[in-house]
Structure formats: structure tokens, C-alpha cells
Amino acid sequence: MVVAKKEGSLNGKKLLLVQPLNEKKQPHGEPVVAMDAIGAGVGEHVFYVRGEEASLPFLPESVPVTAGIVGIIDYFHLGDDHQK
């Protein structure tokens, strides 16, 4: 992704492209651009929030963001299934 002009409050903050997954870890829906609050890396499964809550990890700074990564998923446990 190339950004021609960026809001000044976003300087130094990492934006990642997040692909939502279904319970079978298959792509579900459109990818989302999310601001990383925790240092997630490429290929990691993450937990993200949307809406006003996405900016809360950056307080007291006010950042114009609508999706934010707030956790890295260590493993999935879905019923009898346990996956890394």
C-alpha cells in the first residue's frame, strides 16, 4: 500500500492489512487496514477491534483510526479442535 499523504498523528505508527477469518481459518470478508498497537508481525493471527475503541490503545494521543490490532492470538480452541 502506498499513501500519498498521511495524517500527522499517524507518523511512526504501523498499519497492517488484516484478513478476517472464519472458524475454519479461511478468509471471510474483505481485508481491513488496522493500526497496530502491540507490535504484531506478518503472518501472525491477531485480534482487532473496529470503531471508536480502535483508538483507545493510543491514549492520551488522539489518532483517527477505525480499526486497531489489540492482541496476538497464541492458539485457537474451537470445540474439540485445538490448533496453533
C-alpha atoms as a PDB file:
ATOM      1  CA  MET A   1       0.000   0.000   0.000  1.00  0.00           C
ATOM      2  CA  VAL A   2       1.268   3.469  -0.841  1.00  0.00           C
ATOM      3  CA  VAL A   3      -0.053   6.516   0.942  1.00  0.00           C
ATOM      4  CA  ALA A   4       0.500   9.859  -0.775  1.00  0.00           C
ATOM      5  CA  LYS A   5      -0.320  11.959   2.283  1.00  0.00           C
ATOM      6  CA  LYS A   6      -0.699  10.811   5.858  1.00  0.00           C
ATOM      7  CA  GLU A   7      -2.362  12.477   8.872  1.00  0.00           C
ATOM      8  CA  GLY A   8       0.410  13.788  11.135  1.00  0.00           C
ATOM      9  CA  SER A   9      -0.842  11.891  14.209  1.00  0.00           C
ATOM     10  CA  LEU A  10      -0.225   8.617  12.332  1.00  0.00           C
ATOM     11  CA  ASN A  11       3.527   9.242  11.959  1.00  0.00           C
ATOM     12  CA  GLY A  12       5.558   6.388  13.420  1.00  0.00           C
ATOM     13  CA  LYS A  13       2.553   4.067  13.694  1.00  0.00           C
ATOM     14  CA  LYS A  14       2.340   0.813  11.755  1.00  0.00           C
ATOM     15  CA  LEU A  15      -0.653  -0.013   9.557  1.00  0.00           C
ATOM     16  CA  LEU A  16      -1.262  -3.671   8.703  1.00  0.00           C
ATOM     17  CA  LEU A  17      -3.615  -5.312   6.255  1.00  0.00           C
ATOM     18  CA  VAL A  18      -5.767  -7.785   8.226  1.00  0.00           C
ATOM     19  CA  GLN A  19      -7.748 -10.579   6.555  1.00  0.00           C
ATOM     20  CA  PRO A  20     -10.710 -11.679   8.716  1.00  0.00           C
ATOM     21  CA  LEU A  21     -11.064 -15.471   9.006  1.00  0.00           C
ATOM     22  CA  ASN A  22     -13.958 -17.816   9.695  1.00  0.00           C
ATOM     23  CA  GLU A  23     -13.919 -20.623  12.278  1.00  0.00           C
ATOM     24  CA  LYS A  24     -12.036 -22.861   9.795  1.00  0.00           C
ATOM     25  CA  LYS A  25      -9.306 -20.220   9.421  1.00  0.00           C
ATOM     26  CA  GLN A  26     -10.414 -19.457   5.852  1.00  0.00           C
ATOM     27  CA  PRO A  27     -10.685 -15.878   4.512  1.00  0.00           C
ATOM     28  CA  HIS A  28     -14.054 -14.323   5.348  1.00  0.00           C
ATOM     29  CA  GLY A  29     -14.970 -10.897   4.023  1.00  0.00           C
ATOM     30  CA  GLU A  30     -12.792  -8.081   2.788  1.00  0.00           C
ATOM     31  CA  PRO A  31      -9.347  -7.238   4.216  1.00  0.00           C
ATOM     32  CA  VAL A  32      -9.171  -4.351   6.704  1.00  0.00           C
ATOM     33  CA  VAL A  33      -6.397  -1.795   7.251  1.00  0.00           C
ATOM     34  CA  ALA A  34      -5.740  -1.707  11.002  1.00  0.00           C
ATOM     35  CA  MET A  35      -3.333   0.281  13.144  1.00  0.00           C
ATOM     36  CA  ASP A  36      -1.028  -1.946  15.156  1.00  0.00           C
ATOM     37  CA  ALA A  37      -0.980  -1.168  18.897  1.00  0.00           C
ATOM     38  CA  ILE A  38       1.056  -4.180  20.050  1.00  0.00           C
ATOM     39  CA  GLY A  39       3.857  -4.950  17.585  1.00  0.00           C
ATOM     40  CA  ALA A  40       2.199  -7.701  15.555  1.00  0.00           C
ATOM     41  CA  GLY A  41       4.067  -9.111  12.604  1.00  0.00           C
ATOM     42  CA  VAL A  42       3.332 -10.511   9.185  1.00  0.00           C
ATOM     43  CA  GLY A  43       1.705 -13.952   9.323  1.00  0.00           C
ATOM     44  CA  GLU A  44       0.529 -13.692  12.942  1.00  0.00           C
ATOM     45  CA  HIS A  45      -3.120 -14.227  13.844  1.00  0.00           C
ATOM     46  CA  VAL A  46      -4.395 -11.116  15.612  1.00  0.00           C
ATOM     47  CA  PHE A  47      -7.452  -9.806  17.418  1.00  0.00           C
ATOM     48  CA  TYR A  48      -8.673  -6.445  16.173  1.00  0.00           C
ATOM     49  CA  VAL A  49     -11.441  -4.050  17.122  1.00  0.00           C
ATOM     50  CA  ARG A  50     -13.390  -1.630  14.986  1.00  0.00           C
ATOM     51  CA  GLY A  51     -14.989   1.696  15.754  1.00  0.00           C
ATOM     52  CA  GLU A  52     -14.136   4.240  18.410  1.00  0.00           C
ATOM     53  CA  GLU A  53     -12.470   1.586  20.592  1.00  0.00           C
ATOM     54  CA  ALA A  54      -9.710   1.176  17.990  1.00  0.00           C
ATOM     55  CA  SER A  55      -8.116   4.459  19.096  1.00  0.00           C
ATOM     56  CA  LEU A  56      -8.118   3.681  22.855  1.00  0.00           C
ATOM     57  CA  PRO A  57      -4.706   1.920  22.989  1.00  0.00           C
ATOM     58  CA  PHE A  58      -3.079   5.138  21.757  1.00  0.00           C
ATOM     59  CA  LEU A  59      -4.458   7.428  24.501  1.00  0.00           C
ATOM     60  CA  PRO A  60      -3.722  10.121  25.532  1.00  0.00           C
ATOM     61  CA  GLU A  61      -2.828  10.738  21.874  1.00  0.00           C
ATOM     62  CA  SER A  62      -5.833  11.162  19.603  1.00  0.00           C
ATOM     63  CA  VAL A  63      -5.478   9.186  16.364  1.00  0.00           C
ATOM     64  CA  PRO A  64      -8.046   8.971  13.548  1.00  0.00           C
ATOM     65  CA  VAL A  65      -8.357   5.202  13.269  1.00  0.00           C
ATOM     66  CA  THR A  66     -11.379   2.907  12.835  1.00  0.00           C
ATOM     67  CA  ALA A  67      -9.644  -0.492  13.147  1.00  0.00           C
ATOM     68  CA  GLY A  68      -6.907  -1.398  15.596  1.00  0.00           C
ATOM     69  CA  ILE A  69      -4.925  -4.541  16.403  1.00  0.00           C
ATOM     70  CA  VAL A  70      -5.101  -5.148  20.160  1.00  0.00           C
ATOM     71  CA  GLY A  71      -3.927  -8.747  20.618  1.00  0.00           C
ATOM     72  CA  ILE A  72      -1.891 -11.573  19.134  1.00  0.00           C
ATOM     73  CA  ILE A  73      -3.630 -14.966  19.154  1.00  0.00           C
ATOM     74  CA  ASP A  74      -1.465 -17.770  20.575  1.00  0.00           C
ATOM     75  CA  TYR A  75      -3.826 -20.622  19.682  1.00  0.00           C
ATOM     76  CA  PHE A  76      -7.379 -21.423  18.602  1.00  0.00           C
ATOM     77  CA  HIS A  77      -9.677 -23.693  20.604  1.00  0.00           C
ATOM     78  CA  LEU A  78     -12.943 -24.371  18.807  1.00  0.00           C
ATOM     79  CA  GLY A  79     -14.930 -27.168  20.452  1.00  0.00           C
ATOM     80  CA  ASP A  80     -12.847 -30.352  20.189  1.00  0.00           C
ATOM     81  CA  ASP A  81     -10.379 -28.646  17.844  1.00  0.00           C
ATOM     82  CA  HIS A  82      -7.120 -27.208  19.250  1.00  0.00           C
ATOM     83  CA  GLN A  83      -4.859 -25.522  16.707  1.00  0.00           C
ATOM     84  CA  LYS A  84      -1.715 -23.435  16.840  1.00  0.00           C
END
